[in-house]
Structures are given as structure tokens and as C-alpha cells.
Protein backbone atom coordinates (compact mmCIF):
# COMPACT_ATOMS: atom_id res chain seq x y z
CA MET A 1 -4.86 -40.72 56.13
CA ASN A 2 -2.18 -40.29 58.79
CA VAL A 3 -3.55 -39.08 62.12
CA MET A 4 -1.62 -38.07 65.22
CA LEU A 5 -3.64 -38.73 68.37
CA VAL A 6 -2.27 -36.77 71.33
CA GLU A 7 -3.83 -38.47 74.33
CA ALA A 8 -2.38 -39.94 77.54
CA ASP A 9 -5.45 -41.76 78.86
CA GLN A 10 -5.16 -45.22 77.31
CA GLN A 11 -8.83 -45.96 77.85
CA LEU A 12 -9.71 -42.91 75.73
CA VAL A 13 -7.03 -43.91 73.24
CA GLY A 14 -8.79 -47.25 72.83
CA LEU A 15 -12.17 -45.58 72.29
CA LEU A 16 -10.75 -43.16 69.75
CA LEU A 17 -8.88 -45.90 67.90
CA SER A 18 -12.10 -47.91 67.66
CA ALA A 19 -13.97 -44.89 66.29
CA LEU A 20 -11.20 -44.07 63.79
CA HIS A 21 -10.84 -47.65 62.55
CA ALA A 22 -14.62 -47.88 62.14
CA VAL A 23 -14.62 -45.01 59.63
CA ARG A 24 -15.78 -46.41 56.30
CA TYR A 25 -14.64 -43.60 54.04
CA ALA A 26 -10.85 -43.83 54.35
CA SER A 27 -7.96 -45.94 55.54
CA ILE A 28 -6.65 -44.28 58.70
CA ASP A 29 -3.25 -44.83 60.31
CA VAL A 30 -2.90 -43.52 63.85
CA VAL A 31 0.20 -42.57 65.82
CA ASN A 32 -0.39 -42.00 69.54
CA ALA A 33 1.68 -39.36 71.34
CA VAL A 34 1.31 -39.41 75.12
CA THR A 35 3.00 -36.09 75.98
CA LEU A 36 3.23 -32.65 74.42
CA SER A 37 6.98 -33.01 73.97
CA ASP A 38 6.48 -36.30 72.09
CA ALA A 39 3.82 -34.67 69.88
CA LEU A 40 6.03 -31.70 69.04
CA ALA A 41 8.92 -34.03 68.17
CA LEU A 42 6.69 -36.14 65.91
CA LEU A 43 5.39 -33.07 64.10
CA GLY A 44 8.97 -32.28 63.13
CA LYS A 45 9.67 -35.78 61.82
CA CYS A 46 6.48 -37.27 60.35
CA GLU A 47 3.81 -36.12 57.93
CA PHE A 48 0.28 -36.03 59.29
CA GLN A 49 -2.99 -34.91 57.71
CA ILE A 50 -4.59 -34.02 61.03
CA VAL A 51 -3.99 -33.88 64.79
CA LEU A 52 -6.52 -34.99 67.43
CA LEU A 53 -5.51 -33.31 70.67
CA ASN A 54 -6.44 -33.62 74.34
CA LEU A 55 -5.52 -30.39 76.11
CA ASN A 56 -4.57 -32.11 79.37
CA LEU A 57 -1.34 -34.07 79.07
CA PRO A 58 1.28 -35.22 81.59
CA ASP A 59 3.62 -32.35 80.68
CA SER A 60 1.10 -29.65 79.69
CA SER A 61 -2.47 -28.60 80.35
CA GLY A 62 -5.08 -26.16 79.13
CA PHE A 63 -5.02 -23.97 76.08
CA GLU A 64 -1.26 -23.54 76.27
CA THR A 65 -1.12 -27.12 74.93
CA LEU A 66 -3.22 -26.13 71.94
CA ALA A 67 -1.24 -22.94 71.36
CA GLN A 68 2.03 -24.88 71.19
CA ILE A 69 0.66 -27.56 68.87
CA ALA A 70 -1.03 -24.99 66.60
CA SER A 71 2.19 -22.96 66.33
CA LYS A 72 4.15 -26.06 65.33
CA ALA A 73 1.59 -27.88 63.19
CA SER A 74 0.89 -26.94 59.58
CA VAL A 75 -2.08 -29.33 59.64
CA PRO A 76 -5.58 -28.95 61.12
CA VAL A 77 -6.11 -29.60 64.82
CA VAL A 78 -9.25 -31.11 66.34
CA VAL A 79 -9.49 -30.65 70.11
CA LEU A 80 -10.95 -33.38 72.30
CA VAL A 81 -13.19 -31.76 74.92
CA ASP A 82 -15.24 -33.08 77.82
CA GLY A 83 -18.12 -30.64 77.35
CA GLU A 84 -19.52 -27.81 75.26
CA GLU A 85 -18.26 -25.14 77.67
CA GLU A 86 -14.72 -25.57 76.35
CA VAL A 87 -15.68 -25.20 72.71
CA ILE A 88 -15.78 -21.41 72.27
CA GLU A 89 -12.17 -20.89 73.32
CA THR A 90 -10.72 -23.65 71.13
CA ALA A 91 -11.01 -21.64 67.90
CA SER A 92 -9.28 -18.57 69.32
CA PHE A 93 -6.27 -20.70 70.27
CA GLY A 94 -5.86 -22.24 66.81
CA ALA A 95 -8.14 -25.30 66.58
CA GLN A 96 -10.18 -25.96 63.46
CA ASP A 97 -12.84 -28.10 65.18
CA TYR A 98 -13.61 -30.11 68.32
CA LEU A 99 -14.97 -33.48 69.43
CA VAL A 100 -16.99 -33.96 72.60
CA LEU A 101 -15.70 -37.20 74.10
CA LYS A 102 -19.10 -38.15 75.58
CA GLN A 103 -20.61 -38.14 72.06
CA LEU A 104 -17.86 -40.09 70.34
CA ASN A 105 -18.64 -42.27 67.30
CA SER A 106 -17.06 -42.91 63.90
CA GLU A 107 -19.43 -40.60 61.99
CA LEU A 108 -18.81 -37.64 64.30
CA VAL A 109 -15.04 -38.25 64.21
CA TRP A 110 -15.02 -38.40 60.41
CA HIS A 111 -17.15 -35.28 59.95
CA ALA A 112 -15.09 -33.32 62.47
CA MET A 113 -11.88 -34.31 60.68
CA GLN A 114 -13.24 -33.40 57.25
CA TYR A 115 -14.57 -30.06 58.48
CA ALA A 116 -11.25 -29.29 60.16
CA ILE A 117 -9.31 -30.05 56.97
CA GLN A 118 -11.62 -27.83 54.89
CA ARG A 119 -11.46 -25.01 57.42
CA LYS A 120 -7.67 -25.20 57.58
CA ARG A 121 -7.47 -24.88 53.79
CA ALA A 122 -9.79 -21.87 53.91
CA ASP A 123 -7.78 -20.28 56.74
CA ASP A 124 -4.53 -20.80 54.82
CA ALA A 125 -6.03 -19.29 51.66
CA LEU A 126 -7.23 -16.24 53.61
CA PHE A 127 -3.80 -15.86 55.22
CA LYS A 128 -2.09 -15.98 51.82
CA MET A 129 -4.50 -13.41 50.41
CA ALA A 130 -3.99 -11.15 53.41
CA SER A 131 -0.22 -11.43 52.95
CA ILE A 132 -0.53 -10.46 49.29
CA VAL A 133 -2.70 -7.47 50.15
CA GLU A 134 -0.37 -6.33 52.94
CA SER A 135 2.77 -6.60 50.78
CA SER A 136 1.27 -4.80 47.77
CA ASP A 137 2.56 -1.37 46.76
CA ASP A 138 -1.02 -0.45 45.81
CA SER A 139 -3.51 0.91 48.28
CA ILE A 140 -6.05 -1.85 48.93
CA ILE A 141 -8.91 -0.84 51.20
CA GLY A 142 -11.72 -3.00 52.54
CA VAL A 143 -15.03 -1.15 52.84
CA ALA A 144 -18.35 -2.31 54.30
CA LEU A 145 -21.56 -1.61 52.41
CA ASP A 146 -22.28 1.37 54.66
CA GLY A 147 -18.93 2.93 53.67
CA THR A 148 -17.01 2.02 56.84
CA ILE A 149 -13.32 1.18 56.31
CA THR A 150 -12.69 -2.40 57.49
CA ASN A 151 -9.21 -3.13 56.07
CA TRP A 152 -6.27 -0.81 55.46
CA ASN A 153 -2.95 -2.10 54.13
CA SER A 154 0.51 -0.56 54.59
CA ALA A 155 0.48 1.02 51.13
CA SER A 156 -2.73 2.87 52.03
CA ALA A 157 -0.96 4.41 55.01
CA LEU A 158 1.92 5.57 52.81
CA ILE A 159 -0.31 6.90 50.05
CA TYR A 160 -3.01 8.60 52.12
CA GLY A 161 -1.08 9.47 55.28
CA TYR A 162 -3.50 7.84 57.71
CA ASP A 163 -2.24 5.04 59.96
CA ALA A 164 -4.45 1.95 60.18
CA GLU A 165 -5.60 3.02 63.65
CA GLU A 166 -6.80 6.34 62.23
CA ALA A 167 -8.54 4.83 59.20
CA LEU A 168 -10.22 1.66 60.47
CA GLY A 169 -13.82 2.25 61.44
CA GLN A 170 -13.96 5.61 59.69
CA PRO A 171 -16.14 6.42 56.65
CA VAL A 172 -14.29 5.93 53.37
CA PHE A 173 -15.77 9.27 52.25
CA MET A 174 -13.02 11.02 54.22
CA LEU A 175 -10.77 10.16 51.28
CA ALA A 176 -12.98 12.02 48.81
CA PHE A 177 -13.37 15.69 47.97
CA PRO A 178 -16.97 16.90 48.38
CA ASP A 179 -17.68 16.73 44.66
CA LYS A 180 -16.64 13.05 44.55
CA VAL A 181 -18.71 11.73 47.46
CA GLU A 182 -21.82 11.24 45.34
CA ARG A 183 -19.90 8.94 42.99
CA MET A 184 -18.66 6.85 45.92
CA LEU A 185 -22.21 6.54 47.24
CA SER A 186 -23.38 5.49 43.79
CA VAL A 187 -20.70 2.78 43.61
CA LEU A 188 -21.70 1.38 47.00
CA GLN A 189 -25.35 1.38 45.99
CA SER A 190 -24.52 -0.55 42.82
CA ILE A 191 -22.59 -3.13 44.84
CA LYS A 192 -25.51 -3.50 47.26
CA GLN A 193 -27.72 -4.31 44.29
CA GLY A 194 -25.26 -6.92 43.00
CA GLU A 195 -24.28 -4.86 39.96
CA HIS A 196 -20.84 -4.87 38.35
CA VAL A 197 -18.79 -1.72 38.93
CA ALA A 198 -16.30 -0.90 36.19
CA THR A 199 -12.84 0.45 36.95
CA TYR A 200 -12.74 4.22 36.82
CA GLU A 201 -10.26 7.05 37.38
CA THR A 202 -10.83 9.65 40.06
CA VAL A 203 -9.12 11.99 42.53
CA ARG A 204 -8.79 11.24 46.23
CA ARG A 205 -7.75 13.35 49.21
CA ARG A 206 -4.78 12.67 51.47
CA LYS A 207 -4.74 13.33 55.20
CA ASP A 208 -2.97 16.67 54.60
CA GLY A 209 -5.69 17.69 52.13
CA THR A 210 -3.61 17.33 48.97
CA PRO A 211 -5.16 15.54 45.98
CA ILE A 212 -3.90 12.27 44.51
CA ASP A 213 -4.97 10.94 41.10
């Protein structure tokens, strides 16, 4: 496994190298980048499976460091943090996991790396699925079990006339004529009970009140 370690403090580099080389489950090769600019250049030249990143570097500091690495890297990023207080924000800036430096050992490093790799794969799969849904010519609507609209793709806006801002958070029953609401409720109830719902044909209502088969 090829790992890029982005860390300027050579004492920490030594500790991390010891932890990485003590991992029993894989052969790990480590490349150490000292600055953000070096890390970004390496990401364009070499193939890595994962990045271990300290947010505070000679030429960058804070979550801007993570944002730049995450935008450039197509691989998972594990952030090296000093304490738990930094953890919550790491995910929102593009990290897949974190390591608290005070708790460093080979087992924690390995598990954090494996979790980050799995989460990155899941994130990529969700992104691909979202892209497929958004680019579809069919209306694809996400609905919570209480009937609230949670997802609304571009085709839904074209077909029904509601922009996403108008539809999200609203009851899906607004798309049904009064005589069709009971069927929609029945479908949701079946889903709640874990039952299979067969495809069926119906009539829906556009924003302007006109029907669509």
C-alpha cells in the first residue's frame, strides 16, 4: 500500500513511520511531503491509496489545507488531529477519517486507514448514483416514510413544474389528485412493513393542476 504522509514535524513523522511499519496486515510504503505544495505536486505524479494529513504545514494551516488536498486527491484522506475537538469539522471539509496523535499505535492507524478506504468507496458510489439520478430524463423522487419529499431531480422539475426549492420538504401527496392519495398512503404503508410494491400506472398532478399519466 502506498501512503502519502503530509507532515512537517520530523518527530511526528518518525512516530507515524514506526506505527505504519509495525502494521502486520500489509506492506506499506510511505512518501513524506513536508509542505502543501509538495503534497499537491505528488498527487499529480504518483499513485497513492491513502493520504495521512496534518492540517498545519509550513505553507498552509487549518481546514483550508484539507479542502485543497481533498479537491485534488481521488483517494481517501485521514486527518491527523491533536484532540477530539477538531474531529467534527474534518468530515465536512472532505476527510474520510481522523487519527488523534496522542493515541497513536499501529492498530489504530490500520483501522483508520481501512475505514477511510471503505468510506471513500461508499462516498464515490453515492456520488455516481446521485449523478445518474440527476442526469436522468425520468422523474426520480426521494420520499421519506411519512411522505415528505427528500430528493427531487431536474427531470422532476421539468415534468411537474415545481423547482427543487418548492418541492423539497413538502408532502408528496401534492402531486396526487384527491382520489389517488389513498393509493399513495397504501404504498407507503406497505414499504413501512417491508413489503414489495409492484410497479403500477397512475395519474399525477402538475403544479398548474394539469394531469400527467
